[in-house]
Amino acid sequence: MIKAVVFDVGETLVDETRIWSRWADRLGVSRFVMMGALGGMAALDRSHREAFELVRPGIDIDAELAAWERDEPDSLRNHFDADDLYPDVRDALAALRAAGLQVIIAGNQPARAYDALVAMELPADSVHTSEGWGVSKPDPGFFAKVAAVAGREPGEILYVGDRLDNDVLPAGRAGMRTALLRRGPWGYLHAERARAREADVVVDDLHALLPALSRIA
């Protein structure tokens, strides 16, 4: 029986459209070009960081981030806030908790994302980031951390994310149950792949999770 539901962050809880739009503006390319480059990386199973190199060859991302912070110290830049939450997040997480399930947020995020997520006062029992843990998905150590903070056996945990490579497949190898969310570039692309069948369930939104639990248990 599933006793804990653990959520990825980017394109699971947080809509990254504004982040990528601001990146396009910063790099001086159209938002259409930036989004297309990102989608291409997703389709080719390449890192999203390669989209920067595609639109600006030779870019030093860390240096660009530092310059951006100097230029716009008070802007969100590549950060997110509550306005970036997908509209189903609060109600869906609250419904899971009301049903007696433990709700945890744990994704590949920088340490500063912890403060942003906590400030949203989401209906979750705890929030964790890969940088805070010192280990990132798809490393098995990340999912060991998930099980440890949940205090559950892996088979009692449902991990929810938008990617096969970072979420569904490694969580499954760790013994967890998995849900693939058709959201964001990776979510739509990965749901069409044969290995999407390895997820316990594929859903179109977070409201579908609670009804799906009866099929997963």
C-alpha atoms as a PDB file:
ATOM      1  CA  MET A   1       0.000   0.000   0.000  1.00  0.00           C
ATOM      2  CA  ILE A   2       1.235   3.481  -0.882  1.00  0.00           C
ATOM      3  CA  LYS A   3       1.807   5.545   2.252  1.00  0.00           C
ATOM      4  CA  ALA A   4       3.900   8.431   0.903  1.00  0.00           C
ATOM      5  CA  VAL A   5       3.791  10.432  -2.331  1.00  0.00           C
ATOM      6  CA  VAL A   6       6.991  12.234  -3.286  1.00  0.00           C
ATOM      7  CA  PHE A   7       7.085  14.951  -5.929  1.00  0.00           C
ATOM      8  CA  ASP A   8       9.740  16.186  -8.317  1.00  0.00           C
ATOM      9  CA  VAL A   9       9.774  19.996  -8.683  1.00  0.00           C
ATOM     10  CA  GLY A  10      10.509  21.364 -12.173  1.00  0.00           C
ATOM     11  CA  GLU A  11       7.622  20.759 -14.594  1.00  0.00           C
ATOM     12  CA  THR A  12       5.902  18.658 -11.934  1.00  0.00           C
ATOM     13  CA  LEU A  13       4.990  21.341  -9.412  1.00  0.00           C
ATOM     14  CA  VAL A  14       6.636  24.382 -10.987  1.00  0.00           C
ATOM     15  CA  ASP A  15       5.895  25.661 -14.490  1.00  0.00           C
ATOM     16  CA  GLU A  16       9.273  26.728 -15.889  1.00  0.00           C
ATOM     17  CA  THR A  17       7.875  28.816 -18.750  1.00  0.00           C
ATOM     18  CA  ARG A  18       8.740  32.151 -17.132  1.00  0.00           C
ATOM     19  CA  ILE A  19      12.266  30.985 -16.290  1.00  0.00           C
ATOM     20  CA  TRP A  20      13.017  29.952 -19.862  1.00  0.00           C
ATOM     21  CA  SER A  21      11.381  33.099 -21.222  1.00  0.00           C
ATOM     22  CA  ARG A  22      13.631  35.245 -19.065  1.00  0.00           C
ATOM     23  CA  TRP A  23      16.632  33.235 -20.235  1.00  0.00           C
ATOM     24  CA  ALA A  24      15.655  33.935 -23.859  1.00  0.00           C
ATOM     25  CA  ASP A  25      15.410  37.638 -23.142  1.00  0.00           C
ATOM     26  CA  ARG A  26      18.758  37.576 -21.368  1.00  0.00           C
ATOM     27  CA  LEU A  27      20.510  35.784 -24.209  1.00  0.00           C
ATOM     28  CA  GLY A  28      18.943  37.954 -26.885  1.00  0.00           C
ATOM     29  CA  VAL A  29      17.025  35.263 -28.755  1.00  0.00           C
ATOM     30  CA  SER A  30      13.308  34.915 -29.287  1.00  0.00           C
ATOM     31  CA  ARG A  31      11.368  32.906 -26.754  1.00  0.00           C
ATOM     32  CA  PHE A  32      10.270  30.611 -29.581  1.00  0.00           C
ATOM     33  CA  VAL A  33      13.908  29.813 -30.364  1.00  0.00           C
ATOM     34  CA  MET A  34      14.764  29.171 -26.718  1.00  0.00           C
ATOM     35  CA  MET A  35      11.792  26.859 -26.211  1.00  0.00           C
ATOM     36  CA  GLY A  36      12.554  25.064 -29.462  1.00  0.00           C
ATOM     37  CA  ALA A  37      16.171  24.502 -28.450  1.00  0.00           C
ATOM     38  CA  LEU A  38      15.039  23.135 -25.108  1.00  0.00           C
ATOM     39  CA  GLY A  39      12.546  20.798 -26.758  1.00  0.00           C
ATOM     40  CA  GLY A  40      15.251  19.585 -29.106  1.00  0.00           C
ATOM     41  CA  MET A  41      17.495  18.692 -26.190  1.00  0.00           C
ATOM     42  CA  ALA A  42      14.634  16.810 -24.562  1.00  0.00           C
ATOM     43  CA  ALA A  43      13.929  14.859 -27.752  1.00  0.00           C
ATOM     44  CA  LEU A  44      17.605  13.988 -28.190  1.00  0.00           C
ATOM     45  CA  ASP A  45      18.112  12.943 -24.547  1.00  0.00           C
ATOM     46  CA  ARG A  46      20.667  15.697 -24.083  1.00  0.00           C
ATOM     47  CA  SER A  47      21.049  17.972 -21.087  1.00  0.00           C
ATOM     48  CA  HIS A  48      18.973  21.145 -20.973  1.00  0.00           C
ATOM     49  CA  ARG A  49      22.278  22.981 -20.438  1.00  0.00           C
ATOM     50  CA  GLU A  50      23.179  22.218 -24.051  1.00  0.00           C
ATOM     51  CA  ALA A  51      20.331  24.477 -25.157  1.00  0.00           C
ATOM     52  CA  PHE A  52      22.393  27.433 -23.923  1.00  0.00           C
ATOM     53  CA  GLU A  53      25.373  26.350 -25.999  1.00  0.00           C
ATOM     54  CA  LEU A  54      23.124  25.957 -29.038  1.00  0.00           C
ATOM     55  CA  VAL A  55      21.817  29.526 -28.912  1.00  0.00           C
ATOM     56  CA  ARG A  56      25.075  31.082 -27.690  1.00  0.00           C
ATOM     57  CA  PRO A  57      28.122  28.962 -28.577  1.00  0.00           C
ATOM     58  CA  GLY A  58      30.915  29.162 -26.023  1.00  0.00           C
ATOM     59  CA  ILE A  59      28.696  30.449 -23.220  1.00  0.00           C
ATOM     60  CA  ASP A  60      30.008  30.153 -19.668  1.00  0.00           C
ATOM     61  CA  ILE A  61      26.743  29.560 -17.825  1.00  0.00           C
ATOM     62  CA  ASP A  62      28.124  30.201 -14.354  1.00  0.00           C
ATOM     63  CA  ALA A  63      29.691  33.478 -15.479  1.00  0.00           C
ATOM     64  CA  GLU A  64      26.448  34.477 -17.196  1.00  0.00           C
ATOM     65  CA  LEU A  65      24.478  33.756 -14.031  1.00  0.00           C
ATOM     66  CA  ALA A  66      26.872  35.871 -11.982  1.00  0.00           C
ATOM     67  CA  ALA A  67      26.623  38.736 -14.487  1.00  0.00           C
ATOM     68  CA  TRP A  68      22.831  38.454 -14.532  1.00  0.00           C
ATOM     69  CA  GLU A  69      22.712  38.698 -10.755  1.00  0.00           C
ATOM     70  CA  ARG A  70      24.884  41.838 -10.852  1.00  0.00           C
ATOM     71  CA  ASP A  71      22.731  43.392 -13.578  1.00  0.00           C
ATOM     72  CA  GLU A  72      19.381  42.515 -12.022  1.00  0.00           C
ATOM     73  CA  PRO A  73      19.907  41.864  -8.302  1.00  0.00           C
ATOM     74  CA  ASP A  74      16.214  42.202  -7.485  1.00  0.00           C
ATOM     75  CA  SER A  75      14.724  40.180 -10.360  1.00  0.00           C
ATOM     76  CA  LEU A  76      13.766  36.504 -10.289  1.00  0.00           C
ATOM     77  CA  ARG A  77      16.239  35.694 -13.086  1.00  0.00           C
ATOM     78  CA  ASN A  78      16.354  31.867 -13.185  1.00  0.00           C
ATOM     79  CA  HIS A  79      14.474  31.508  -9.899  1.00  0.00           C
ATOM     80  CA  PHE A  80      10.794  30.742  -9.343  1.00  0.00           C
ATOM     81  CA  ASP A  81       8.075  31.806  -6.920  1.00  0.00           C
ATOM     82  CA  ALA A  82       4.473  30.929  -6.080  1.00  0.00           C
ATOM     83  CA  ASP A  83       3.212  32.472  -9.325  1.00  0.00           C
ATOM     84  CA  ASP A  84       4.997  29.662 -11.174  1.00  0.00           C
ATOM     85  CA  LEU A  85       3.103  26.837  -9.484  1.00  0.00           C
ATOM     86  CA  TYR A  86       0.867  24.780 -11.752  1.00  0.00           C
ATOM     87  CA  PRO A  87      -2.782  25.466 -10.835  1.00  0.00           C
ATOM     88  CA  ASP A  88      -3.509  21.922  -9.651  1.00  0.00           C
ATOM     89  CA  VAL A  89      -0.665  21.735  -7.118  1.00  0.00           C
ATOM     90  CA  ARG A  90      -2.183  23.054  -3.898  1.00  0.00           C
ATOM     91  CA  ASP A  91      -5.500  21.249  -4.174  1.00  0.00           C
ATOM     92  CA  ALA A  92      -3.985  17.955  -5.315  1.00  0.00           C
ATOM     93  CA  LEU A  93      -1.383  17.870  -2.541  1.00  0.00           C
ATOM     94  CA  ALA A  94      -4.003  18.840   0.030  1.00  0.00           C
ATOM     95  CA  ALA A  95      -6.284  16.024  -1.154  1.00  0.00           C
ATOM     96  CA  LEU A  96      -3.490  13.481  -0.776  1.00  0.00           C
ATOM     97  CA  ARG A  97      -2.765  14.641   2.761  1.00  0.00           C
ATOM     98  CA  ALA A  98      -6.464  14.608   3.616  1.00  0.00           C
ATOM     99  CA  ALA A  99      -6.529  10.980   2.483  1.00  0.00           C
ATOM    100  CA  GLY A 100      -3.870  10.209   5.104  1.00  0.00           C
ATOM    101  CA  LEU A 101      -0.852  10.114   2.812  1.00  0.00           C
ATOM    102  CA  GLN A 102       2.533  11.606   3.599  1.00  0.00           C
ATOM    103  CA  VAL A 103       3.446  14.279   1.027  1.00  0.00           C
ATOM    104  CA  ILE A 104       7.096  15.100   0.351  1.00  0.00           C
ATOM    105  CA  ILE A 105       8.773  17.380  -2.193  1.00  0.00           C
ATOM    106  CA  ALA A 106      12.219  16.275  -3.362  1.00  0.00           C
ATOM    107  CA  GLY A 107      13.800  17.224  -6.678  1.00  0.00           C
ATOM    108  CA  ASN A 108      16.976  18.202  -8.478  1.00  0.00           C
ATOM    109  CA  GLN A 109      17.138  21.804  -7.339  1.00  0.00           C
ATOM    110  CA  PRO A 110      19.718  24.260  -5.985  1.00  0.00           C
ATOM    111  CA  ALA A 111      19.670  24.948  -2.266  1.00  0.00           C
ATOM    112  CA  ARG A 112      17.975  28.330  -2.791  1.00  0.00           C
ATOM    113  CA  ALA A 113      14.902  26.525  -4.162  1.00  0.00           C
ATOM    114  CA  TYR A 114      14.279  25.174  -0.660  1.00  0.00           C
ATOM    115  CA  ASP A 115      13.484  28.652   0.646  1.00  0.00           C
ATOM    116  CA  ALA A 116      11.267  29.415  -2.355  1.00  0.00           C
ATOM    117  CA  LEU A 117       9.274  26.209  -1.895  1.00  0.00           C
ATOM    118  CA  VAL A 118       8.927  26.596   1.867  1.00  0.00           C
ATOM    119  CA  ALA A 119       7.728  30.191   1.404  1.00  0.00           C
ATOM    120  CA  MET A 120       4.840  28.891  -0.710  1.00  0.00           C
ATOM    121  CA  GLU A 121       3.420  27.090   2.358  1.00  0.00           C
ATOM    122  CA  LEU A 122       2.420  24.076   0.300  1.00  0.00           C
ATOM    123  CA  PRO A 123       0.497  21.219   1.934  1.00  0.00           C
ATOM    124  CA  ALA A 124       3.601  19.025   2.235  1.00  0.00           C
ATOM    125  CA  ASP A 125       5.268  17.327   5.185  1.00  0.00           C
ATOM    126  CA  SER A 126       8.802  18.221   4.109  1.00  0.00           C
ATOM    127  CA  VAL A 127      10.833  19.802   1.319  1.00  0.00           C
ATOM    128  CA  HIS A 128      14.262  18.663   0.113  1.00  0.00           C
ATOM    129  CA  THR A 129      16.686  19.598  -2.678  1.00  0.00           C
ATOM    130  CA  SER A 130      19.458  17.666  -4.372  1.00  0.00           C
ATOM    131  CA  GLU A 131      22.011  20.331  -3.506  1.00  0.00           C
ATOM    132  CA  GLY A 132      20.938  20.204   0.113  1.00  0.00           C
ATOM    133  CA  TRP A 133      21.418  16.449   0.107  1.00  0.00           C
ATOM    134  CA  GLY A 134      24.623  16.523  -1.909  1.00  0.00           C
ATOM    135  CA  VAL A 135      23.294  13.956  -4.397  1.00  0.00           C
ATOM    136  CA  SER A 136      21.198  14.339  -7.550  1.00  0.00           C
ATOM    137  CA  LYS A 137      18.840  12.178  -9.572  1.00  0.00           C
ATOM    138  CA  PRO A 138      19.230   9.684 -11.111  1.00  0.00           C
ATOM    139  CA  ASP A 139      21.876   8.613  -8.575  1.00  0.00           C
ATOM    140  CA  PRO A 140      20.525   5.773  -6.378  1.00  0.00           C
ATOM    141  CA  GLY A 141      21.715   7.744  -3.363  1.00  0.00           C
ATOM    142  CA  PHE A 142      19.050  10.359  -4.043  1.00  0.00           C
ATOM    143  CA  PHE A 143      16.279   7.787  -3.785  1.00  0.00           C
ATOM    144  CA  ALA A 144      17.859   6.281  -0.683  1.00  0.00           C
ATOM    145  CA  LYS A 145      17.562   9.755   0.843  1.00  0.00           C
ATOM    146  CA  VAL A 146      13.903   9.892  -0.207  1.00  0.00           C
ATOM    147  CA  ALA A 147      13.154   6.620   1.576  1.00  0.00           C
ATOM    148  CA  ALA A 148      15.092   7.756   4.645  1.00  0.00           C
ATOM    149  CA  VAL A 149      13.256  11.067   5.073  1.00  0.00           C
ATOM    150  CA  ALA A 150       9.914   9.370   4.429  1.00  0.00           C
ATOM    151  CA  GLY A 151      10.728   6.672   6.970  1.00  0.00           C
ATOM    152  CA  ARG A 152       9.081   4.147   4.639  1.00  0.00           C
ATOM    153  CA  GLU A 153       9.957   1.025   2.746  1.00  0.00           C
ATOM    154  CA  PRO A 154      10.577   1.870  -0.935  1.00  0.00           C
ATOM    155  CA  GLY A 155       7.498  -0.075  -2.010  1.00  0.00           C
ATOM    156  CA  GLU A 156       5.328   2.183   0.135  1.00  0.00           C
ATOM    157  CA  ILE A 157       6.466   5.288  -1.768  1.00  0.00           C
ATOM    158  CA  LEU A 158       5.074   6.686  -5.017  1.00  0.00           C
ATOM    159  CA  TYR A 159       7.557   8.960  -6.790  1.00  0.00           C
ATOM    160  CA  VAL A 160       5.954  11.439  -9.199  1.00  0.00           C
ATOM    161  CA  GLY A 161       7.911  13.158 -11.965  1.00  0.00           C
ATOM    162  CA  ASP A 162       7.877  14.250 -15.595  1.00  0.00           C
ATOM    163  CA  ARG A 163      10.874  12.242 -16.818  1.00  0.00           C
ATOM    164  CA  LEU A 164      11.738   8.612 -17.385  1.00  0.00           C
ATOM    165  CA  ASP A 165      15.500   9.039 -17.028  1.00  0.00           C
ATOM    166  CA  ASN A 166      15.558  11.109 -13.845  1.00  0.00           C
ATOM    167  CA  ASP A 167      12.336  10.025 -12.158  1.00  0.00           C
ATOM    168  CA  VAL A 168      10.458   6.913 -13.200  1.00  0.00           C
ATOM    169  CA  LEU A 169      13.253   4.515 -14.092  1.00  0.00           C
ATOM    170  CA  PRO A 170      15.691   5.215 -11.219  1.00  0.00           C
ATOM    171  CA  ALA A 171      12.872   5.372  -8.654  1.00  0.00           C
ATOM    172  CA  GLY A 172      11.603   2.054  -9.957  1.00  0.00           C
ATOM    173  CA  ARG A 173      15.069   0.524  -9.665  1.00  0.00           C
ATOM    174  CA  ALA A 174      15.106   1.730  -6.061  1.00  0.00           C
ATOM    175  CA  GLY A 175      11.964  -0.320  -5.449  1.00  0.00           C
ATOM    176  CA  MET A 176       9.501   2.578  -5.450  1.00  0.00           C
ATOM    177  CA  ARG A 177       6.233   2.817  -7.302  1.00  0.00           C
ATOM    178  CA  THR A 178       6.169   5.512  -9.944  1.00  0.00           C
ATOM    179  CA  ALA A 179       3.904   7.979 -11.730  1.00  0.00           C
ATOM    180  CA  LEU A 180       4.889   9.684 -14.985  1.00  0.00           C
ATOM    181  CA  LEU A 181       3.308  13.106 -15.412  1.00  0.00           C
ATOM    182  CA  ARG A 182       2.576  14.260 -18.969  1.00  0.00           C
ATOM    183  CA  ARG A 183       3.691  17.819 -18.339  1.00  0.00           C
ATOM    184  CA  GLY A 184       6.494  19.912 -19.795  1.00  0.00           C
ATOM    185  CA  PRO A 185       8.658  18.954 -22.801  1.00  0.00           C
ATOM    186  CA  TRP A 186      10.117  15.821 -21.235  1.00  0.00           C
ATOM    187  CA  GLY A 187       6.769  14.649 -19.865  1.00  0.00           C
ATOM    188  CA  TYR A 188       5.000  14.678 -23.213  1.00  0.00           C
ATOM    189  CA  LEU A 189       7.932  13.154 -25.073  1.00  0.00           C
ATOM    190  CA  HIS A 190       8.674  10.457 -22.517  1.00  0.00           C
ATOM    191  CA  ALA A 191       5.023   9.400 -22.208  1.00  0.00           C
ATOM    192  CA  GLU A 192       5.185   8.340 -25.867  1.00  0.00           C
ATOM    193  CA  ARG A 193       8.159   6.046 -25.341  1.00  0.00           C
ATOM    194  CA  ALA A 194       7.880   2.308 -24.871  1.00  0.00           C
ATOM    195  CA  ARG A 195       9.511   2.474 -21.455  1.00  0.00           C
ATOM    196  CA  ALA A 196       6.689   4.675 -20.184  1.00  0.00           C
ATOM    197  CA  ARG A 197       4.917   1.368 -19.585  1.00  0.00           C
ATOM    198  CA  GLU A 198       7.369   0.792 -16.743  1.00  0.00           C
ATOM    199  CA  ALA A 199       5.643   3.529 -14.763  1.00  0.00           C
ATOM    200  CA  ASP A 200       2.861   2.258 -12.526  1.00  0.00           C
ATOM    201  CA  VAL A 201       0.649   4.999 -13.874  1.00  0.00           C
ATOM    202  CA  VAL A 202       0.820   7.824 -16.444  1.00  0.00           C
ATOM    203  CA  VAL A 203      -1.275  10.875 -15.550  1.00  0.00           C
ATOM    204  CA  ASP A 204      -2.172  14.149 -17.241  1.00  0.00           C
ATOM    205  CA  ASP A 205      -2.438  16.184 -14.041  1.00  0.00           C
ATOM    206  CA  LEU A 206      -1.908  15.866 -10.307  1.00  0.00           C
ATOM    207  CA  HIS A 207      -5.615  15.483  -9.561  1.00  0.00           C
ATOM    208  CA  ALA A 208      -5.442  12.066 -11.238  1.00  0.00           C
ATOM    209  CA  LEU A 209      -3.012  10.707  -8.651  1.00  0.00           C
ATOM    210  CA  LEU A 210      -5.421  10.066  -5.801  1.00  0.00           C
ATOM    211  CA  PRO A 211      -7.904   8.041  -7.905  1.00  0.00           C
ATOM    212  CA  ALA A 212      -4.963   6.146  -9.444  1.00  0.00           C
ATOM    213  CA  LEU A 213      -3.699   4.927  -6.070  1.00  0.00           C
ATOM    214  CA  SER A 214      -6.299   2.196  -5.963  1.00  0.00           C
ATOM    215  CA  ARG A 215      -4.872   0.792  -9.197  1.00  0.00           C
ATOM    216  CA  ILE A 216      -1.315   0.960  -7.917  1.00  0.00           C
ATOM    217  CA  ALA A 217      -1.781  -0.586  -4.474  1.00  0.00           C
END
